[in-house]
Amino acid sequence: GSSSSVNDINASRSSSQPGEAYANEEQPLWKEIKAVTKDVSNGGGNVCFVCGYCQVTFIRSYTRVKAHLLKLSGFEIRACKSVSTEKARELKKLQDRASAIHNNKKT
């Protein structure tokens, strides 16, 4: 008799992790994101992220995360309504520092 084991690898093709899992020296703002879901069915295509402040889900990249949280215009994403101007400024400082560290490493 052969025991048939259920192979459920294909059952869920998207993996969800807290934003913190993606945060690093260069991209600190992932920490402000509640959840990041990667759709792996099409070769790791789209990434969805849920804003930790306004709970809205967006598709895309870290550039969009920045634009949303720092209230930047020109990225086809709306600024977070739940982040105060003061908080956005604080987060921008954090991001600027991260970029500076990263740029110093390159040279």
Protein backbone atom coordinates (compact mmCIF):
# COMPACT_ATOMS: atom_id res chain seq x y z
CA GLY A 1 0.00 0.00 0.00
CA SER A 2 1.25 3.45 -0.90
CA SER A 3 0.29 6.30 1.34
CA SER A 4 -0.71 9.33 -0.69
CA SER A 5 0.49 12.52 0.92
CA VAL A 6 -1.32 15.70 0.05
CA ASN A 7 0.99 18.03 -1.76
CA ASP A 8 -0.14 21.52 -0.81
CA ILE A 9 2.81 23.48 -2.15
CA ASN A 10 0.67 24.85 -4.96
CA ALA A 11 -2.28 25.66 -2.70
CA SER A 12 -1.02 29.06 -1.65
CA ARG A 13 1.04 30.92 -4.17
CA SER A 14 1.31 34.13 -2.26
CA SER A 15 3.39 34.59 0.83
CA SER A 16 2.63 37.31 3.32
CA GLN A 17 5.14 38.77 5.72
CA PRO A 18 5.22 41.78 8.00
CA GLY A 19 6.82 44.81 6.43
CA GLU A 20 9.63 44.57 8.95
CA ALA A 21 10.85 41.46 7.17
CA TYR A 22 11.77 43.64 4.20
CA ALA A 23 13.26 46.51 6.15
CA ASN A 24 16.98 47.03 5.92
CA GLU A 25 19.54 49.81 6.23
CA GLU A 26 18.72 51.09 2.79
CA GLN A 27 14.93 50.73 2.96
CA PRO A 28 13.86 51.52 6.53
CA LEU A 29 10.30 52.56 5.67
CA TRP A 30 9.19 48.96 5.22
CA LYS A 31 8.88 48.99 9.02
CA GLU A 32 5.91 51.32 8.66
CA ILE A 33 4.13 48.79 6.46
CA LYS A 34 1.76 46.35 8.08
CA ALA A 35 1.98 43.48 5.63
CA VAL A 36 3.71 42.67 2.39
CA THR A 37 2.28 39.99 0.15
CA LYS A 38 4.30 38.61 -2.69
CA ASP A 39 2.47 36.88 -5.49
CA VAL A 40 4.86 34.13 -6.52
CA SER A 41 2.63 32.46 -9.09
CA ASN A 42 4.06 34.47 -11.96
CA GLY A 43 7.71 34.45 -11.05
CA GLY A 44 7.49 36.79 -8.09
CA GLY A 45 5.64 39.52 -9.94
CA ASN A 46 3.63 42.00 -7.95
CA VAL A 47 4.10 42.89 -4.36
CA CYS A 48 1.16 44.25 -2.39
CA PHE A 49 1.70 46.26 0.73
CA VAL A 50 -0.73 47.37 3.40
CA CYS A 51 0.04 50.74 4.92
CA GLY A 52 0.44 50.53 8.68
CA TYR A 53 -1.23 53.91 9.08
CA CYS A 54 -4.22 54.02 6.75
CA GLN A 55 -4.57 50.25 6.12
CA VAL A 56 -4.97 50.78 2.39
CA THR A 57 -3.45 48.13 0.14
CA PHE A 58 -1.20 49.20 -2.71
CA ILE A 59 0.60 47.25 -5.37
CA ARG A 60 4.20 47.91 -6.12
CA SER A 61 7.61 48.79 -5.03
CA TYR A 62 9.52 50.53 -2.30
CA THR A 63 9.44 53.71 -4.39
CA ARG A 64 5.67 53.72 -3.93
CA VAL A 65 6.01 53.04 -0.22
CA LYS A 66 8.20 56.13 0.05
CA ALA A 67 5.90 58.26 -2.07
CA HIS A 68 2.89 57.23 -0.01
CA LEU A 69 4.42 57.74 3.44
CA LEU A 70 6.48 60.83 2.62
CA LYS A 71 3.62 62.43 0.67
CA LEU A 72 5.66 62.74 -2.51
CA SER A 73 3.93 63.66 -5.71
CA GLY A 74 4.51 62.33 -9.18
CA PHE A 75 4.50 58.61 -8.35
CA GLU A 76 0.90 57.80 -9.25
CA ILE A 77 0.11 56.95 -5.67
CA ARG A 78 -1.81 59.01 -3.20
CA ALA A 79 -0.24 60.37 -0.06
CA CYS A 80 -1.17 58.73 3.20
CA LYS A 81 -3.95 60.64 4.91
CA SER A 82 -3.13 59.15 8.29
CA VAL A 83 0.46 60.34 8.38
CA SER A 84 0.82 63.86 9.72
CA THR A 85 3.07 66.32 7.94
CA GLU A 86 5.34 66.17 10.96
CA LYS A 87 5.52 62.37 10.83
CA ALA A 88 6.18 62.45 7.09
CA ARG A 89 9.06 64.83 7.71
CA GLU A 90 10.40 62.50 10.39
CA LEU A 91 10.20 59.52 8.04
CA LYS A 92 11.88 61.51 5.30
CA LYS A 93 14.82 62.21 7.59
CA LEU A 94 15.02 58.50 8.29
CA GLN A 95 15.00 57.73 4.58
CA ASP A 96 17.52 60.45 3.72
CA ARG A 97 19.88 59.06 6.32
CA ALA A 98 19.44 55.56 4.91
CA SER A 99 20.14 56.78 1.38
CA ALA A 100 23.24 58.62 2.57
CA ILE A 101 24.58 55.49 4.25
CA HIS A 102 23.91 53.50 1.12
CA ASN A 103 25.57 56.06 -1.15
CA ASN A 104 28.64 56.22 1.04
CA LYS A 105 29.04 52.47 0.76
CA LYS A 106 29.03 52.57 -3.01
CA THR A 107 31.98 54.90 -3.35
